[in-house]
Amino acid sequence: MSRFNETETALIERLRALKALPDMSINVFDIGVPLTAAEFTQDEIVEVLYALEQDKIITLLPGNRLLMLKELPDG
């Protein structure tokens, strides 16, 4: 599994743990802090967030927040 896929899996698992649903706003720190503690870098996390934004699953908002646009993809 590539590092991108590992990071994506961990990030989606974290969003599931936060019970992320469409129209829900989430503080990016609630995702980033646990993932950096699990030894993912900020660059790896941001790369996955940008990919999820490109796929129109989330949108990044000012103030270090994201908005869920769709349900999370199946694991």
N, C-alpha and C. Protein backbone atom coordinates (compact mmCIF):
# COMPACT_ATOMS: atom_id res chain seq x y z
N MET A 1 0.85 -1.18 0.00
CA MET A 1 0.00 0.00 0.00
C MET A 1 0.89 1.24 0.00
N SER A 2 0.56 2.20 -0.84
CA SER A 2 1.35 3.43 -0.92
C SER A 2 1.12 4.29 0.32
N ARG A 3 2.04 5.19 0.55
CA ARG A 3 1.90 6.08 1.72
C ARG A 3 0.65 6.95 1.57
N PHE A 4 0.33 7.37 0.33
CA PHE A 4 -0.88 8.16 0.11
C PHE A 4 -2.10 7.34 0.53
N ASN A 5 -2.15 6.08 0.11
CA ASN A 5 -3.30 5.23 0.46
C ASN A 5 -3.38 5.00 1.96
N GLU A 6 -2.23 4.83 2.62
CA GLU A 6 -2.23 4.67 4.08
C GLU A 6 -2.79 5.92 4.75
N THR A 7 -2.35 7.08 4.28
CA THR A 7 -2.80 8.34 4.85
C THR A 7 -4.29 8.53 4.60
N GLU A 8 -4.73 8.23 3.38
CA GLU A 8 -6.14 8.37 3.04
C GLU A 8 -7.00 7.45 3.91
N THR A 9 -6.58 6.23 4.10
CA THR A 9 -7.32 5.28 4.94
C THR A 9 -7.40 5.80 6.37
N ALA A 10 -6.28 6.26 6.91
CA ALA A 10 -6.27 6.77 8.29
C ALA A 10 -7.15 8.01 8.42
N LEU A 11 -7.11 8.89 7.43
CA LEU A 11 -7.90 10.12 7.49
C LEU A 11 -9.39 9.79 7.41
N ILE A 12 -9.76 8.90 6.52
CA ILE A 12 -11.18 8.52 6.41
C ILE A 12 -11.65 7.81 7.67
N GLU A 13 -10.81 6.97 8.24
CA GLU A 13 -11.17 6.33 9.53
C GLU A 13 -11.38 7.37 10.61
N ARG A 14 -10.55 8.41 10.60
CA ARG A 14 -10.69 9.49 11.60
C ARG A 14 -12.01 10.23 11.37
N LEU A 15 -12.33 10.52 10.11
CA LEU A 15 -13.61 11.18 9.83
C LEU A 15 -14.79 10.31 10.26
N ARG A 16 -14.68 9.00 10.06
CA ARG A 16 -15.74 8.09 10.52
C ARG A 16 -15.86 8.14 12.05
N ALA A 17 -14.73 8.18 12.73
CA ALA A 17 -14.73 8.26 14.20
C ALA A 17 -15.41 9.55 14.68
N LEU A 18 -15.28 10.61 13.87
CA LEU A 18 -15.93 11.88 14.20
C LEU A 18 -17.39 11.92 13.73
N LYS A 19 -17.84 10.78 13.16
CA LYS A 19 -19.22 10.65 12.66
C LYS A 19 -19.55 11.72 11.62
N ALA A 20 -18.60 11.92 10.68
CA ALA A 20 -18.75 12.94 9.63
C ALA A 20 -19.89 12.59 8.68
N LEU A 21 -20.79 13.54 8.51
CA LEU A 21 -21.93 13.39 7.61
C LEU A 21 -22.02 14.62 6.72
N PRO A 22 -22.72 14.52 5.58
CA PRO A 22 -22.87 15.69 4.72
C PRO A 22 -23.41 16.90 5.49
N ASP A 23 -22.92 18.07 5.12
CA ASP A 23 -23.27 19.36 5.72
C ASP A 23 -22.69 19.56 7.12
N MET A 24 -21.80 18.68 7.53
CA MET A 24 -21.17 18.80 8.84
C MET A 24 -19.83 19.53 8.68
N SER A 25 -19.59 20.50 9.55
CA SER A 25 -18.34 21.23 9.57
C SER A 25 -17.42 20.60 10.63
N ILE A 26 -16.16 20.39 10.27
CA ILE A 26 -15.21 19.72 11.17
C ILE A 26 -13.95 20.56 11.27
N ASN A 27 -13.43 20.68 12.47
CA ASN A 27 -12.16 21.36 12.69
C ASN A 27 -11.04 20.46 12.17
N VAL A 28 -10.20 20.99 11.29
CA VAL A 28 -9.12 20.21 10.71
C VAL A 28 -8.15 19.71 11.79
N PHE A 29 -8.02 20.45 12.88
CA PHE A 29 -7.14 20.01 13.97
C PHE A 29 -7.62 18.71 14.60
N ASP A 30 -8.95 18.47 14.57
CA ASP A 30 -9.50 17.22 15.10
C ASP A 30 -9.08 16.02 14.25
N ILE A 31 -8.64 16.28 13.04
CA ILE A 31 -8.13 15.24 12.16
C ILE A 31 -6.60 15.22 12.23
N GLY A 32 -5.99 16.38 12.09
CA GLY A 32 -4.54 16.48 11.97
C GLY A 32 -3.77 16.08 13.21
N VAL A 33 -4.25 16.46 14.37
CA VAL A 33 -3.50 16.15 15.60
C VAL A 33 -3.35 14.64 15.81
N PRO A 34 -4.43 13.86 15.74
CA PRO A 34 -4.26 12.42 15.91
C PRO A 34 -3.43 11.78 14.79
N LEU A 35 -3.57 12.29 13.57
CA LEU A 35 -2.81 11.70 12.47
C LEU A 35 -1.33 12.02 12.57
N THR A 36 -0.99 13.23 13.00
CA THR A 36 0.44 13.53 13.18
C THR A 36 1.00 12.73 14.35
N ALA A 37 0.18 12.48 15.36
CA ALA A 37 0.62 11.63 16.47
C ALA A 37 0.87 10.20 15.99
N ALA A 38 0.16 9.80 14.93
CA ALA A 38 0.34 8.47 14.33
C ALA A 38 1.45 8.48 13.27
N GLU A 39 2.22 9.57 13.25
CA GLU A 39 3.41 9.73 12.40
C GLU A 39 3.11 9.96 10.93
N PHE A 40 1.96 10.56 10.62
CA PHE A 40 1.71 11.07 9.28
C PHE A 40 2.15 12.52 9.28
N THR A 41 2.74 12.97 8.19
CA THR A 41 3.21 14.35 8.13
C THR A 41 2.07 15.28 7.73
N GLN A 42 2.27 16.55 8.01
CA GLN A 42 1.29 17.55 7.62
C GLN A 42 1.11 17.55 6.10
N ASP A 43 2.20 17.42 5.36
CA ASP A 43 2.12 17.39 3.90
C ASP A 43 1.30 16.20 3.40
N GLU A 44 1.47 15.04 4.02
CA GLU A 44 0.70 13.85 3.63
C GLU A 44 -0.79 14.06 3.89
N ILE A 45 -1.10 14.65 5.03
CA ILE A 45 -2.50 14.90 5.40
C ILE A 45 -3.14 15.90 4.44
N VAL A 46 -2.43 16.98 4.15
CA VAL A 46 -2.95 18.01 3.26
C VAL A 46 -3.14 17.45 1.85
N GLU A 47 -2.24 16.62 1.39
CA GLU A 47 -2.37 16.01 0.07
C GLU A 47 -3.68 15.21 -0.04
N VAL A 48 -4.00 14.46 1.00
CA VAL A 48 -5.25 13.69 1.00
C VAL A 48 -6.46 14.62 1.09
N LEU A 49 -6.37 15.66 1.91
CA LEU A 49 -7.49 16.61 2.00
C LEU A 49 -7.76 17.26 0.65
N TYR A 50 -6.69 17.64 -0.06
CA TYR A 50 -6.87 18.22 -1.40
C TYR A 50 -7.50 17.22 -2.35
N ALA A 51 -7.11 15.95 -2.26
CA ALA A 51 -7.69 14.91 -3.13
C ALA A 51 -9.17 14.74 -2.82
N LEU A 52 -9.54 14.74 -1.55
CA LEU A 52 -10.95 14.62 -1.17
C LEU A 52 -11.75 15.84 -1.64
N GLU A 53 -11.09 17.00 -1.61
CA GLU A 53 -11.76 18.20 -2.11
C GLU A 53 -11.94 18.11 -3.63
N GLN A 54 -10.93 17.64 -4.33
CA GLN A 54 -11.02 17.47 -5.78
C GLN A 54 -12.15 16.50 -6.15
N ASP A 55 -12.33 15.47 -5.32
CA ASP A 55 -13.39 14.48 -5.54
C ASP A 55 -14.76 14.98 -5.06
N LYS A 56 -14.80 16.22 -4.58
CA LYS A 56 -16.04 16.85 -4.11
C LYS A 56 -16.68 16.11 -2.94
N ILE A 57 -15.84 15.52 -2.09
CA ILE A 57 -16.33 14.88 -0.88
C ILE A 57 -16.33 15.88 0.27
N ILE A 58 -15.33 16.76 0.26
CA ILE A 58 -15.23 17.84 1.25
C ILE A 58 -14.94 19.14 0.52
N THR A 59 -15.09 20.23 1.24
CA THR A 59 -14.55 21.51 0.81
C THR A 59 -13.83 22.11 2.00
N LEU A 60 -12.68 22.69 1.73
CA LEU A 60 -11.91 23.31 2.80
C LEU A 60 -12.42 24.73 3.01
N LEU A 61 -12.58 25.11 4.28
CA LEU A 61 -13.13 26.40 4.65
C LEU A 61 -12.09 27.23 5.38
N PRO A 62 -12.29 28.54 5.44
CA PRO A 62 -11.39 29.37 6.26
C PRO A 62 -11.46 28.94 7.72
N GLY A 63 -10.43 29.26 8.46
CA GLY A 63 -10.42 28.97 9.89
C GLY A 63 -10.11 27.52 10.21
N ASN A 64 -9.36 26.85 9.32
CA ASN A 64 -8.96 25.45 9.56
C ASN A 64 -10.16 24.54 9.77
N ARG A 65 -11.15 24.68 8.90
CA ARG A 65 -12.33 23.82 8.96
C ARG A 65 -12.57 23.20 7.59
N LEU A 66 -13.30 22.11 7.61
CA LEU A 66 -13.73 21.52 6.35
C LEU A 66 -15.21 21.24 6.47
N LEU A 67 -15.87 21.20 5.32
CA LEU A 67 -17.29 20.91 5.26
C LEU A 67 -17.47 19.64 4.46
N MET A 68 -18.17 18.68 5.05
CA MET A 68 -18.49 17.44 4.36
C MET A 68 -19.56 17.75 3.31
N LEU A 69 -19.30 17.34 2.08
CA LEU A 69 -20.27 17.54 1.00
C LEU A 69 -21.04 16.27 0.68
N LYS A 70 -20.39 15.13 0.87
CA LYS A 70 -20.97 13.82 0.55
C LYS A 70 -20.66 12.85 1.67
N GLU A 71 -21.30 11.71 1.61
CA GLU A 71 -20.95 10.62 2.51
C GLU A 71 -19.54 10.15 2.19
N LEU A 72 -18.86 9.60 3.16
CA LEU A 72 -17.52 9.07 2.95
C LEU A 72 -17.56 7.85 2.04
N PRO A 73 -16.50 7.68 1.22
CA PRO A 73 -16.47 6.48 0.38
C PRO A 73 -16.36 5.22 1.24
N ASP A 74 -16.86 4.12 0.72
CA ASP A 74 -16.75 2.84 1.44
C ASP A 74 -15.29 2.46 1.57
N GLY A 75 -14.98 1.88 2.74
CA GLY A 75 -13.61 1.49 3.07
C GLY A 75 -13.12 0.44 2.18
